[in-house]
Amino acid sequence: MHATKVLLPLLFMSLCGYAQSPRPELSLSLHPSPSGHSLALEATYRQLDWEARDTLSFILREGQVQGVRLLEGRLKDTLPFVQQDSLLHIWPGTAAHPRSGLAIRYHYPLKKVAQRRVQVHRDSVSWAINWLNGGSEKGLGLPGLFYPVPVKGGAMTMRFNLSLPREWPLKIGGAEPQFHVDEPGQRHHFWASKGPIAPAHFFLAAGAWTAPDAEDREALLARQAERQKARQVASFRARHQALLAFLGRRERRLLTTEVGLSILEAPVPPDEAFYLRRAEWPLAPAQVNEQRKIALDWFRQDTTRAAEALFRFAVQRNGAPWRDSLLQARLERQALGRPFWWEQYLSVYLAREGLSWADTGRPELPARQQAVLALSNTVRRRQQPLSLQLAYRYQAQEERFYIYLQSDSVPNPLQLPLEIHLQGQDTSLTKPYLGTWGRADTVSIAWPESPRNAYTSAAAWAPITWQEKRPLNWYLYELTRAPDPERRAQALYHLLQAASGNLLPTVIGIALDSERPRQQRLALEQAHRMDSRGRAKLKATFEQLARDSVHRDIRLKAAAWLQRHYP
């Protein structure tokens, strides 16, 4: 009985990402036992592209993982992992650097696989991976057989170095031999793929199997292919049973095997055809692609109905917090460009104020709610937020604080529900008021002292944007004393843009000493603007960050700044 040792290096090429950076590299060592029933494997990944605290996920079918170690030139720390069914999750933690690697040791019982997946006739020592791909059918293989496949990975180019008994034939789908080296009793094969090979297309067979004749073989492959197709559709239906039930309540259809295969084989619709980009779904891209194809087929290529149905299904599955976060993020980046999105956004905005579109025109509502409805209707027609410019002034003799509002000029001005926040030496005030959009307006509030800070806000969901003219000392007050981290970050951003001279290193120093990663990152991005005196003043702070920060990217940026200015 021959024992086989196979060394399989695979160079991963991303379809769109690694043209300008080192490619991840995988070496896979396979060691069949003398009985031919099991393999002890080690998959070694090099030059992975990760960030600290990332979770790395792989598909690995049947393999039983025994250990994972960090690889940085040599094997280092043992890494925590969890294996659930066919998924392997690994946590590199803060110890990993970009382009570090992994070594995954696992055991692979061939007998168990043979019981679950029909293979060719074979003797006790030869074996095949994804044999169905060896025939006319393609794409019937299972990713994750014999080697772990990154969940986010696609097609890859491969190079093979296999040491086999000399008399064994070898076949690799999509690859061709480069050369071989013979030794007594063994032949070392060197093959390379002709182009990227998708994991589902992968096929490798080695050994002196006893194959049926050509006619029987074709019949066997045809039967296996039909069974595999049925399994694919059954798995497809199981993955998306909730979506199919949701769509079936709106328009009844049957997902037959033929329809399921046509959906699976259909091209993936582009992001532009749907309201939601793939990155906005709380799902893996492959699941999003399948759901889009299902919805398009269900509504007979009516993109509008398909997109709206998927959004409502996503809200039902993921809840209101996901919907609210999505809509707010779209408002902030001015991506509510469709009537559908504005309808969704403003309906939620009204609901938060205890209102609905049915309340429009009710004269008994209080002035604030009337203003909220008028604002929503105006924004609904405009399909863009209302924009204001605000300035402030304190009149000590009058003991009054004035708010000056400017906006576009329109025939029918509109009142907006706003709030002014005032902070003094020992007192503070938050007061609602109605400002006017559509003409110049002034609002005054009684206030007994010169304010330390003042700013305007609206309801968190109000579709209003504004620019405020505020003195820099108010922003400094917020940076050091505001309880809201969002306001501290906004104050820092404004100060970093506006500060210069001696004020700039003061602001950067406050941010770096804050121990708040978001503020530190903002400050590091502007640190190059300081003059020599400012750099000398903060040198010790940068040294401390480069040495002690728990955030790897902050350590690297601080170290890079020191190398640039104090090499």
Protein backbone atom coordinates (compact mmCIF):
# COMPACT_ATOMS: atom_id res chain seq x y z
CA MET A 1 0.00 0.00 0.00
CA HIS A 2 1.40 3.32 -1.00
CA ALA A 3 1.25 6.34 1.32
CA THR A 4 0.77 9.57 -0.58
CA LYS A 5 2.19 12.97 0.30
CA VAL A 6 0.80 15.89 -1.68
CA LEU A 7 2.02 19.49 -1.49
CA LEU A 8 -0.44 21.93 -3.05
CA PRO A 9 0.50 25.67 -3.14
CA LEU A 10 -2.37 27.89 -4.32
CA LEU A 11 -1.85 31.53 -5.22
CA PHE A 12 -5.12 33.40 -4.64
CA MET A 13 -5.87 36.19 -7.13
CA SER A 14 -8.79 38.43 -6.33
CA LEU A 15 -10.84 39.34 -9.36
CA CYS A 16 -10.63 43.00 -8.48
CA GLY A 17 -8.39 43.65 -5.53
CA TYR A 18 -4.81 42.45 -5.52
CA ALA A 19 -3.36 43.84 -8.72
CA GLN A 20 -1.30 46.35 -6.74
CA SER A 21 -0.54 44.31 -3.58
CA PRO A 22 0.97 40.91 -2.64
CA ARG A 23 -1.41 38.04 -3.29
CA PRO A 24 -2.56 35.77 -0.47
CA GLU A 25 -0.83 32.43 -0.78
CA LEU A 26 -2.01 29.02 0.37
CA SER A 27 0.12 25.88 0.73
CA LEU A 28 -1.79 22.69 1.47
CA SER A 29 -0.03 19.53 2.66
CA LEU A 30 -2.01 16.26 2.40
CA HIS A 31 -0.86 13.04 4.06
CA PRO A 32 -3.05 9.97 3.36
CA SER A 33 -2.77 7.20 5.91
CA PRO A 34 -1.49 3.80 4.70
CA SER A 35 -5.08 2.52 4.70
CA GLY A 36 -6.11 5.31 2.35
CA HIS A 37 -9.11 6.20 4.53
CA SER A 38 -7.96 9.45 6.13
CA LEU A 39 -5.77 12.48 5.65
CA ALA A 40 -3.88 14.67 8.11
CA LEU A 41 -3.69 18.16 6.58
CA GLU A 42 -2.13 21.53 7.25
CA ALA A 43 -3.27 24.57 5.27
CA THR A 44 -0.79 27.45 5.44
CA TYR A 45 -1.98 30.89 4.33
CA ARG A 46 0.53 33.66 3.73
CA GLN A 47 0.13 37.40 3.06
CA LEU A 48 -3.48 37.59 4.17
CA ASP A 49 -4.95 41.10 4.12
CA TRP A 50 -6.56 41.74 7.50
CA GLU A 51 -6.93 44.32 10.23
CA ALA A 52 -6.53 43.87 13.96
CA ARG A 53 -9.54 42.19 15.57
CA ASP A 54 -10.89 40.94 12.25
CA THR A 55 -12.71 37.60 12.12
CA LEU A 56 -11.48 35.32 9.33
CA SER A 57 -14.06 32.83 8.09
CA PHE A 58 -13.49 29.78 5.90
CA ILE A 59 -15.63 27.01 4.41
CA LEU A 60 -14.22 23.60 5.35
CA ARG A 61 -16.40 20.54 4.78
CA GLU A 62 -15.85 17.36 6.82
CA GLY A 63 -12.40 18.44 8.02
CA GLN A 64 -11.99 18.39 11.80
CA VAL A 65 -9.74 21.28 12.87
CA GLN A 66 -7.14 20.48 15.50
CA GLY A 67 -5.32 23.80 15.83
CA VAL A 68 -4.60 27.21 14.25
CA ARG A 69 -1.35 29.18 14.62
CA LEU A 70 -0.18 32.63 13.54
CA LEU A 71 2.50 32.67 10.86
CA GLU A 72 4.95 35.60 10.59
CA GLY A 73 8.07 34.18 9.01
CA ARG A 74 7.73 31.27 11.41
CA LEU A 75 4.92 29.72 13.41
CA LYS A 76 3.97 31.81 16.43
CA ASP A 77 0.97 32.09 18.74
CA THR A 78 -1.92 29.65 18.84
CA LEU A 79 -5.08 31.46 17.71
CA PRO A 80 -8.63 30.93 19.00
CA PHE A 81 -11.12 29.42 16.57
CA VAL A 82 -14.63 27.99 16.43
CA GLN A 83 -15.77 25.33 13.95
CA GLN A 84 -19.51 25.09 13.33
CA ASP A 85 -20.71 22.63 10.71
CA SER A 86 -18.87 23.66 7.52
CA LEU A 87 -17.71 27.07 8.79
CA LEU A 88 -14.42 27.85 10.52
CA HIS A 89 -14.06 31.22 12.30
CA ILE A 90 -10.59 32.41 13.42
CA TRP A 91 -9.73 35.45 15.55
CA PRO A 92 -6.16 36.70 14.91
CA GLY A 93 -6.57 39.39 17.59
CA THR A 94 -4.17 42.29 18.02
CA ALA A 95 -1.09 40.08 17.57
CA ALA A 96 -1.48 39.91 13.80
CA HIS A 97 0.07 42.34 11.34
CA PRO A 98 -1.21 42.95 7.78
CA ARG A 99 0.00 40.22 5.41
CA SER A 100 0.53 37.80 8.31
CA GLY A 101 -0.38 34.19 7.74
CA LEU A 102 -2.17 31.24 9.30
CA ALA A 103 -1.42 27.54 9.68
CA ILE A 104 -4.55 25.39 10.03
CA ARG A 105 -4.11 21.75 11.07
CA TYR A 106 -7.06 19.41 10.57
CA HIS A 107 -8.01 15.78 10.00
CA TYR A 108 -10.03 14.66 7.00
CA PRO A 109 -11.84 11.27 7.07
CA LEU A 110 -12.18 10.07 3.47
CA LYS A 111 -14.53 7.27 4.42
CA LYS A 112 -17.01 9.75 5.88
CA VAL A 113 -16.95 11.78 2.67
CA ALA A 114 -17.43 8.69 0.53
CA GLN A 115 -20.58 7.84 2.48
CA ARG A 116 -22.08 11.27 1.81
CA ARG A 117 -21.02 11.96 -1.77
CA VAL A 118 -21.06 9.50 -4.67
CA GLN A 119 -17.54 9.04 -6.07
CA VAL A 120 -16.13 7.03 -8.97
CA HIS A 121 -15.19 3.37 -8.56
CA ARG A 122 -11.79 3.38 -6.94
CA ASP A 123 -9.34 1.07 -5.21
CA SER A 124 -8.20 1.45 -1.61
CA VAL A 125 -5.55 4.11 -2.19
CA SER A 126 -6.68 6.35 -5.03
CA TRP A 127 -9.02 9.26 -4.51
CA ALA A 128 -10.89 12.08 -6.27
CA ILE A 129 -12.04 15.57 -5.29
CA ASN A 130 -15.33 16.89 -6.77
CA TRP A 131 -15.44 14.09 -9.32
CA LEU A 132 -18.63 15.36 -11.00
CA ASN A 133 -16.61 18.24 -12.44
CA GLY A 134 -14.55 15.68 -14.35
CA GLY A 135 -17.38 15.17 -16.81
CA SER A 136 -19.25 17.52 -19.09
CA GLU A 137 -21.04 19.18 -16.17
CA LYS A 138 -19.22 22.05 -14.46
CA GLY A 139 -19.85 24.00 -11.29
CA LEU A 140 -21.17 20.97 -9.38
CA GLY A 141 -18.31 20.79 -6.90
CA LEU A 142 -18.52 21.74 -3.25
CA PRO A 143 -16.18 24.54 -2.09
CA GLY A 144 -14.23 23.59 0.99
CA LEU A 145 -13.44 20.00 0.07
CA PHE A 146 -9.85 19.14 1.03
CA TYR A 147 -8.79 22.76 1.51
CA PRO A 148 -10.38 25.70 3.39
CA VAL A 149 -11.92 28.35 1.15
CA PRO A 150 -12.31 31.96 2.43
CA VAL A 151 -16.00 32.81 2.74
CA LYS A 152 -15.39 36.04 0.78
CA GLY A 153 -13.02 34.38 -1.71
CA GLY A 154 -13.71 33.96 -5.41
CA ALA A 155 -11.94 32.25 -8.29
CA MET A 156 -8.21 31.76 -7.84
CA THR A 157 -5.18 30.76 -9.85
CA MET A 158 -3.44 27.65 -8.57
CA ARG A 159 -0.07 25.97 -8.74
CA PHE A 160 0.36 22.34 -7.80
CA ASN A 161 3.33 20.34 -6.60
CA LEU A 162 2.25 16.75 -6.00
CA SER A 163 4.41 13.78 -5.07
CA LEU A 164 2.67 10.52 -6.08
CA PRO A 165 3.55 6.88 -6.69
CA ARG A 166 5.15 6.81 -10.11
CA GLU A 167 2.50 4.61 -11.71
CA TRP A 168 -0.43 6.75 -10.61
CA PRO A 169 -2.16 8.87 -13.27
CA LEU A 170 -3.15 12.43 -12.37
CA LYS A 171 -5.86 14.73 -13.68
CA ILE A 172 -6.61 18.31 -12.59
CA GLY A 173 -9.51 20.16 -14.20
CA GLY A 174 -8.59 23.56 -15.62
CA ALA A 175 -4.85 22.95 -15.14
CA GLU A 176 -2.01 21.57 -17.24
CA PRO A 177 1.39 20.00 -16.46
CA GLN A 178 4.49 22.18 -16.53
CA PHE A 179 7.15 19.52 -15.90
CA HIS A 180 7.86 16.51 -13.66
CA VAL A 181 10.81 15.03 -11.80
CA ASP A 182 11.18 11.26 -11.35
CA GLU A 183 12.71 9.46 -8.38
CA PRO A 184 12.69 5.74 -7.62
CA GLY A 185 9.07 4.80 -7.04
CA GLN A 186 7.81 8.40 -7.15
CA ARG A 187 7.05 11.19 -9.58
CA HIS A 188 6.92 14.87 -8.54
CA HIS A 189 4.29 16.65 -10.63
CA PHE A 190 4.33 20.43 -11.27
CA TRP A 191 1.07 21.78 -12.68
CA ALA A 192 -0.45 25.27 -13.06
CA SER A 193 -4.02 26.39 -13.70
CA LYS A 194 -4.80 27.92 -17.08
CA GLY A 195 -6.66 30.76 -15.36
CA PRO A 196 -8.69 31.43 -12.21
CA ILE A 197 -10.63 28.38 -11.02
CA ALA A 198 -13.79 28.86 -8.95
CA PRO A 199 -14.00 26.56 -5.90
CA ALA A 200 -17.20 25.01 -7.28
CA HIS A 201 -15.33 24.09 -10.51
CA PHE A 202 -12.32 22.51 -8.78
CA PHE A 203 -11.55 18.89 -9.71
CA LEU A 204 -8.54 16.70 -8.92
CA ALA A 205 -8.16 12.92 -9.24
CA ALA A 206 -5.12 10.75 -8.55
CA GLY A 207 -4.65 6.99 -8.40
CA ALA A 208 -5.23 3.78 -10.31
CA TRP A 209 -9.02 3.63 -10.01
CA THR A 210 -11.08 1.05 -11.87
CA ALA A 211 -13.40 3.13 -14.00
CA PRO A 212 -16.48 1.78 -15.83
CA ASP A 213 -16.58 1.88 -19.60
CA ALA A 214 -17.34 5.14 -21.35
CA GLU A 215 -21.07 4.51 -21.83
CA ASP A 216 -21.62 3.48 -18.21
CA ARG A 217 -19.50 6.38 -17.04
CA GLU A 218 -21.61 8.90 -18.95
CA ALA A 219 -24.79 7.38 -17.55
CA LEU A 220 -23.33 7.49 -14.04
CA LEU A 221 -22.32 11.12 -14.44
CA ALA A 222 -25.75 12.03 -15.84
CA ARG A 223 -27.53 10.43 -12.86
CA GLN A 224 -25.17 12.06 -10.40
CA ALA A 225 -25.57 15.41 -12.12
CA GLU A 226 -29.37 15.24 -11.90
CA ARG A 227 -29.19 14.33 -8.24
CA GLN A 228 -26.71 17.13 -7.64
CA LYS A 229 -29.00 19.63 -9.39
CA ALA A 230 -31.91 18.54 -7.22
CA ARG A 231 -29.72 18.89 -4.12
CA GLN A 232 -28.60 22.36 -5.23
CA VAL A 233 -32.20 23.54 -5.66
CA ALA A 234 -33.27 21.95 -2.37
CA SER A 235 -30.41 23.70 -0.59
CA PHE A 236 -31.26 26.93 -2.42
CA ARG A 237 -34.90 26.64 -1.36
CA ALA A 238 -33.93 25.93 2.25
CA ARG A 239 -31.57 28.93 2.37
CA HIS A 240 -34.31 31.31 1.27
CA GLN A 241 -37.51 29.73 2.59
CA ALA A 242 -38.35 32.87 4.60
CA LEU A 243 -38.04 35.11 1.51
CA LEU A 244 -40.04 32.68 -0.62
CA ALA A 245 -42.83 32.62 1.98
CA PHE A 246 -42.80 36.44 2.14
CA LEU A 247 -42.99 36.82 -1.64
CA GLY A 248 -45.65 34.11 -1.88
CA ARG A 249 -48.01 36.19 0.25
CA ARG A 250 -47.84 38.92 -2.39
CA GLU A 251 -47.86 36.84 -5.56
CA ARG A 252 -48.19 33.06 -5.54
CA ARG A 253 -45.66 31.08 -7.56
CA LEU A 254 -43.97 27.68 -7.41
CA LEU A 255 -40.21 27.29 -7.21
CA THR A 256 -39.74 24.16 -9.28
CA THR A 257 -36.36 22.53 -9.87
CA GLU A 258 -36.26 24.00 -13.36
CA VAL A 259 -37.11 27.50 -12.11
CA GLY A 260 -34.61 27.16 -9.26
CA LEU A 261 -31.82 26.21 -11.65
CA SER A 262 -32.66 29.10 -13.99
CA ILE A 263 -32.45 31.52 -11.04
CA LEU A 264 -29.15 30.05 -9.85
CA GLU A 265 -27.65 30.34 -13.33
CA ALA A 266 -28.99 33.86 -14.01
CA PRO A 267 -26.54 36.79 -14.04
CA VAL A 268 -26.26 38.86 -10.87
CA PRO A 269 -28.15 42.17 -11.23
CA PRO A 270 -26.03 45.27 -10.58
CA ASP A 271 -26.41 47.48 -7.51
CA GLU A 272 -27.84 50.25 -9.68
CA ALA A 273 -30.93 48.13 -10.35
CA PHE A 274 -31.87 47.97 -6.65
CA TYR A 275 -32.49 50.47 -3.86
CA LEU A 276 -30.09 48.66 -1.53
CA ARG A 277 -26.42 48.24 -2.37
CA ARG A 278 -24.94 44.86 -1.50
CA ALA A 279 -22.78 46.52 1.20
CA GLU A 280 -25.93 47.78 2.99
CA TRP A 281 -27.39 44.31 3.60
CA PRO A 282 -26.60 42.44 6.84
CA LEU A 283 -25.94 39.36 4.69
CA ALA A 284 -23.04 37.79 2.85
CA PRO A 285 -22.80 39.07 -0.77
CA ALA A 286 -23.59 35.61 -2.16
CA GLN A 287 -26.90 35.54 -0.24
CA VAL A 288 -27.77 39.05 -1.44
CA ASN A 289 -27.08 38.04 -5.03
CA GLU A 290 -29.38 35.03 -4.74
CA GLN A 291 -32.16 37.02 -3.08
CA ARG A 292 -32.03 39.66 -5.81
CA LYS A 293 -32.28 37.02 -8.50
CA ILE A 294 -35.22 35.38 -6.72
CA ALA A 295 -37.10 38.68 -6.42
CA LEU A 296 -36.47 39.62 -10.05
CA ASP A 297 -37.68 36.24 -11.27
CA TRP A 298 -40.68 36.36 -8.93
CA PHE A 299 -41.86 39.73 -10.25
CA ARG A 300 -40.95 38.90 -13.86
CA GLN A 301 -37.98 41.29 -14.09
CA ASP A 302 -39.94 44.25 -12.66
CA THR A 303 -37.03 45.87 -10.83
CA THR A 304 -39.17 48.41 -8.94
CA ARG A 305 -41.48 45.79 -7.40
CA ALA A 306 -38.56 43.47 -6.69
CA ALA A 307 -36.54 46.20 -4.98
CA GLU A 308 -39.42 47.39 -2.80
CA ALA A 309 -40.36 43.82 -1.82
CA LEU A 310 -36.77 43.03 -0.81
CA PHE A 311 -36.53 46.20 1.29
CA ARG A 312 -39.73 45.36 3.16
CA PHE A 313 -38.56 41.78 3.65
CA ALA A 314 -35.25 43.07 5.02
CA VAL A 315 -37.08 45.36 7.47
CA GLN A 316 -39.25 42.45 8.60
CA ARG A 317 -36.22 40.20 9.11
CA ASN A 318 -33.73 42.71 10.56
CA GLY A 319 -36.01 45.02 12.49
CA ALA A 320 -36.60 48.74 12.84
CA PRO A 321 -33.12 49.56 14.22
CA TRP A 322 -31.49 48.30 11.01
CA ARG A 323 -33.97 50.27 8.88
CA ASP A 324 -33.50 53.44 10.92
CA SER A 325 -29.71 53.23 10.80
CA LEU A 326 -29.79 52.67 7.03
CA LEU A 327 -32.12 55.60 6.36
CA GLN A 328 -30.17 57.97 8.62
CA ALA A 329 -26.88 57.00 6.96
CA ARG A 330 -28.42 57.59 3.53
CA LEU A 331 -29.64 61.04 4.55
CA GLU A 332 -26.17 61.97 5.83
CA ARG A 333 -24.51 61.03 2.55
CA GLN A 334 -27.36 62.53 0.48
CA ALA A 335 -28.40 59.17 -0.98
CA LEU A 336 -32.17 59.48 -0.54
CA GLY A 337 -32.55 60.23 -4.22
CA ARG A 338 -35.69 58.23 -4.97
CA PRO A 339 -39.29 59.03 -3.97
CA PHE A 340 -39.40 55.59 -2.35
CA TRP A 341 -36.56 56.44 0.04
CA TRP A 342 -38.01 59.80 1.00
CA GLU A 343 -41.38 58.18 1.64
CA GLN A 344 -39.74 55.65 3.97
CA TYR A 345 -37.60 58.24 5.72
CA LEU A 346 -40.37 60.77 6.34
CA SER A 347 -42.86 58.11 7.44
CA VAL A 348 -40.44 57.08 10.20
CA TYR A 349 -39.77 60.74 11.05
CA LEU A 350 -43.51 61.40 11.48
CA ALA A 351 -44.00 58.24 13.53
CA ARG A 352 -41.31 59.40 15.97
CA GLU A 353 -43.31 62.60 16.45
CA GLY A 354 -46.53 60.61 17.00
CA LEU A 355 -47.88 61.56 13.56
CA SER A 356 -48.70 60.03 10.18
CA TRP A 357 -49.55 61.34 6.73
CA ALA A 358 -53.25 61.00 7.63
CA ASP A 359 -52.80 63.85 10.15
CA THR A 360 -52.05 66.39 7.40
CA GLY A 361 -54.57 69.24 7.48
CA ARG A 362 -55.85 68.65 11.03
CA PRO A 363 -56.26 72.20 12.46
CA GLU A 364 -56.50 71.08 16.11
CA LEU A 365 -52.89 69.88 16.25
CA PRO A 366 -50.45 71.99 18.32
CA ALA A 367 -48.11 74.40 16.49
CA ARG A 368 -45.06 72.11 16.78
CA GLN A 369 -46.85 69.11 15.22
CA GLN A 370 -48.30 71.35 12.49
CA ALA A 371 -44.72 72.46 11.76
CA VAL A 372 -43.50 68.84 11.63
CA LEU A 373 -46.21 67.89 9.10
CA ALA A 374 -45.54 70.97 6.98
CA LEU A 375 -41.80 70.22 7.00
CA SER A 376 -42.40 66.59 5.96
CA ASN A 377 -44.72 67.56 3.10
CA THR A 378 -42.29 70.20 1.82
CA VAL A 379 -39.31 67.83 1.92
CA ARG A 380 -41.42 65.10 0.30
CA ARG A 381 -42.05 67.38 -2.69
CA ARG A 382 -38.46 68.68 -2.87
CA GLN A 383 -36.84 65.29 -2.22
CA GLN A 384 -33.92 66.98 -0.51
CA PRO A 385 -33.31 68.33 3.02
CA LEU A 386 -33.96 71.95 3.91
CA SER A 387 -30.78 73.97 4.37
CA LEU A 388 -30.21 76.81 6.89
CA GLN A 389 -27.37 79.12 7.86
CA LEU A 390 -27.28 80.19 11.52
CA ALA A 391 -25.30 82.87 13.37
CA TYR A 392 -25.38 83.88 17.05
CA ARG A 393 -24.88 87.01 19.13
CA TYR A 394 -25.20 87.82 22.83
CA GLN A 395 -26.38 91.31 23.91
CA ALA A 396 -25.15 91.81 27.47
CA GLN A 397 -27.14 95.02 28.06
CA GLU A 398 -30.38 93.31 27.07
CA GLU A 399 -29.42 89.96 28.62
CA ARG A 400 -30.72 88.28 25.50
CA PHE A 401 -29.24 85.72 23.14
CA TYR A 402 -30.06 86.13 19.42
CA ILE A 403 -30.21 83.47 16.71
CA TYR A 404 -30.10 84.71 13.10
CA LEU A 405 -31.42 82.36 10.39
CA GLN A 406 -30.86 82.57 6.63
CA SER A 407 -32.18 80.20 3.95
CA ASP A 408 -33.47 80.02 0.41
CA SER A 409 -36.18 82.50 -0.41
CA VAL A 410 -39.53 80.87 -1.26
CA PRO A 411 -43.09 82.20 -1.74
CA ASN A 412 -44.49 80.25 1.21
CA PRO A 413 -42.13 80.31 4.22
CA LEU A 414 -42.19 77.35 6.56
CA GLN A 415 -41.72 77.06 10.33
CA LEU A 416 -39.16 74.50 11.54
CA PRO A 417 -39.11 72.88 15.02
CA LEU A 418 -35.61 73.48 16.43
CA GLU A 419 -33.87 73.61 19.83
CA ILE A 420 -31.22 75.99 21.17
CA HIS A 421 -28.68 74.70 23.71
CA LEU A 422 -26.97 77.31 25.92
CA GLN A 423 -24.24 76.70 28.51
CA GLY A 424 -22.86 79.26 30.92
CA GLN A 425 -20.58 79.26 33.97
CA ASP A 426 -23.06 77.49 36.24
CA THR A 427 -26.26 77.26 34.22
CA SER A 428 -27.54 75.58 31.08
CA LEU A 429 -30.71 75.77 29.01
CA THR A 430 -32.33 73.70 26.26
CA LYS A 431 -35.29 75.50 24.73
CA PRO A 432 -37.48 74.54 21.74
CA TYR A 433 -38.35 77.24 19.22
CA LEU A 434 -39.83 77.57 15.74
CA GLY A 435 -37.47 79.05 13.19
CA THR A 436 -38.53 80.11 9.70
CA TRP A 437 -37.24 78.58 6.49
CA GLY A 438 -37.86 80.57 3.31
CA ARG A 439 -36.97 84.06 4.55
CA ALA A 440 -34.59 85.74 7.01
CA ASP A 441 -35.62 85.26 10.64
CA THR A 442 -34.39 86.24 14.10
CA VAL A 443 -35.20 84.51 17.38
CA SER A 444 -34.23 85.88 20.81
CA ILE A 445 -34.05 84.14 24.19
CA ALA A 446 -33.54 85.67 27.65
CA TRP A 447 -30.12 84.67 29.02
CA PRO A 448 -28.27 86.27 31.97
CA GLU A 449 -24.58 85.81 31.09
CA SER A 450 -22.13 85.51 28.22
CA PRO A 451 -22.42 81.90 27.02
CA ARG A 452 -19.54 79.44 27.17
CA ASN A 453 -21.18 77.40 24.41
CA ALA A 454 -24.27 77.51 22.20
CA TYR A 455 -25.58 75.39 19.33
CA THR A 456 -28.82 74.50 17.56
CA SER A 457 -30.25 71.02 17.05
CA ALA A 458 -33.36 69.43 15.60
CA ALA A 459 -35.02 66.08 16.19
CA ALA A 460 -32.51 63.36 15.32
CA TRP A 461 -34.51 62.43 12.24
CA ALA A 462 -35.40 65.92 11.02
CA PRO A 463 -34.43 66.29 7.32
CA ILE A 464 -32.68 69.62 7.98
CA THR A 465 -29.07 70.60 7.44
CA TRP A 466 -27.39 73.81 8.52
CA GLN A 467 -24.12 75.67 8.86
CA GLU A 468 -23.38 77.51 12.08
CA LYS A 469 -21.06 80.48 12.58
CA ARG A 470 -19.61 79.87 16.04
CA PRO A 471 -16.44 81.19 17.76
CA LEU A 472 -13.56 78.74 18.16
CA ASN A 473 -13.70 78.93 21.98
CA TRP A 474 -17.16 77.30 21.86
CA TYR A 475 -15.71 74.39 19.90
CA LEU A 476 -12.87 74.10 22.44
CA TYR A 477 -15.46 73.98 25.23
CA GLU A 478 -17.27 71.11 23.47
CA LEU A 479 -14.07 69.21 22.72
CA THR A 480 -13.10 69.11 26.39
CA ARG A 481 -16.45 69.12 28.20
CA ALA A 482 -19.31 67.93 25.95
CA PRO A 483 -20.83 64.65 27.27
CA ASP A 484 -21.93 63.60 23.77
CA PRO A 485 -19.06 61.84 21.89
CA GLU A 486 -20.59 62.83 18.56
CA ARG A 487 -20.47 66.53 19.44
CA ARG A 488 -16.86 66.14 20.66
CA ALA A 489 -15.92 64.55 17.34
CA GLN A 490 -17.68 67.30 15.36
CA ALA A 491 -15.96 69.99 17.42
CA LEU A 492 -12.58 68.39 16.86
CA TYR A 493 -13.18 68.09 13.13
CA HIS A 494 -14.09 71.78 12.91
CA LEU A 495 -11.12 72.88 15.04
CA LEU A 496 -8.67 70.80 13.01
CA GLN A 497 -9.94 72.44 9.83
CA ALA A 498 -9.94 75.99 11.22
CA ALA A 499 -7.08 76.09 13.76
CA SER A 500 -3.60 77.27 12.88
CA GLY A 501 -0.48 78.62 14.60
CA ASN A 502 -0.22 77.88 18.32
CA LEU A 503 -3.83 76.73 18.52
CA LEU A 504 -3.32 73.74 16.19
CA PRO A 505 -0.87 71.77 18.43
CA THR A 506 -3.10 72.57 21.43
CA VAL A 507 -6.10 71.02 19.69
CA ILE A 508 -4.10 68.03 18.46
CA GLY A 509 -2.64 67.49 21.94
CA ILE A 510 -6.10 67.52 23.56
CA ALA A 511 -7.31 64.95 21.05
CA LEU A 512 -4.27 62.67 21.41
CA ASP A 513 -4.50 62.77 25.23
CA SER A 514 -8.23 61.99 25.19
CA GLU A 515 -7.73 58.19 24.90
CA ARG A 516 -10.68 58.22 22.51
CA PRO A 517 -9.61 56.36 19.31
CA ARG A 518 -11.89 58.36 17.01
CA GLN A 519 -10.47 61.69 18.20
CA GLN A 520 -6.92 60.36 18.05
CA ARG A 521 -7.34 59.22 14.46
CA LEU A 522 -8.75 62.60 13.40
CA ALA A 523 -5.83 64.38 15.05
CA LEU A 524 -3.24 62.09 13.47
CA GLU A 525 -4.63 62.88 10.02
CA GLN A 526 -3.89 66.61 10.55
CA ALA A 527 -0.61 66.32 12.50
CA HIS A 528 1.47 67.07 9.39
CA ARG A 529 0.22 70.70 9.47
CA MET A 530 2.04 71.60 12.70
CA ASP A 531 5.17 73.77 12.60
CA SER A 532 8.48 72.79 14.23
CA ARG A 533 7.55 74.24 17.64
CA GLY A 534 4.26 72.35 17.69
CA ARG A 535 6.00 69.12 16.66
CA ALA A 536 8.59 69.48 19.43
CA LYS A 537 5.83 70.16 21.97
CA LEU A 538 4.00 66.92 21.12
CA LYS A 539 6.96 64.62 20.36
CA ALA A 540 6.65 62.80 23.71
CA THR A 541 2.91 62.28 23.14
CA PHE A 542 3.57 60.66 19.76
CA GLU A 543 6.27 58.43 21.28
CA GLN A 544 3.84 57.26 23.94
CA LEU A 545 1.15 56.47 21.34
CA ALA A 546 3.60 54.63 19.09
CA ARG A 547 4.69 52.52 22.06
CA ASP A 548 1.56 51.96 24.16
CA SER A 549 -1.64 52.45 22.12
CA VAL A 550 -3.83 49.35 22.12
CA HIS A 551 -4.97 50.22 18.59
CA ARG A 552 -2.54 48.97 16.00
CA ASP A 553 -3.36 51.55 13.31
CA ILE A 554 -2.80 54.40 15.82
CA ARG A 555 0.58 52.94 16.84
CA LEU A 556 1.62 52.69 13.18
CA LYS A 557 0.50 56.24 12.30
CA ALA A 558 2.26 57.71 15.33
CA ALA A 559 5.43 55.76 14.49
CA ALA A 560 5.28 56.92 10.86
CA TRP A 561 4.94 60.57 12.02
CA LEU A 562 8.00 60.17 14.27
CA GLN A 563 10.00 58.55 11.46
CA ARG A 564 9.13 61.40 9.13
CA HIS A 565 9.97 64.26 11.50
CA TYR A 566 12.51 62.66 13.87
CA PRO A 567 14.26 59.94 11.82
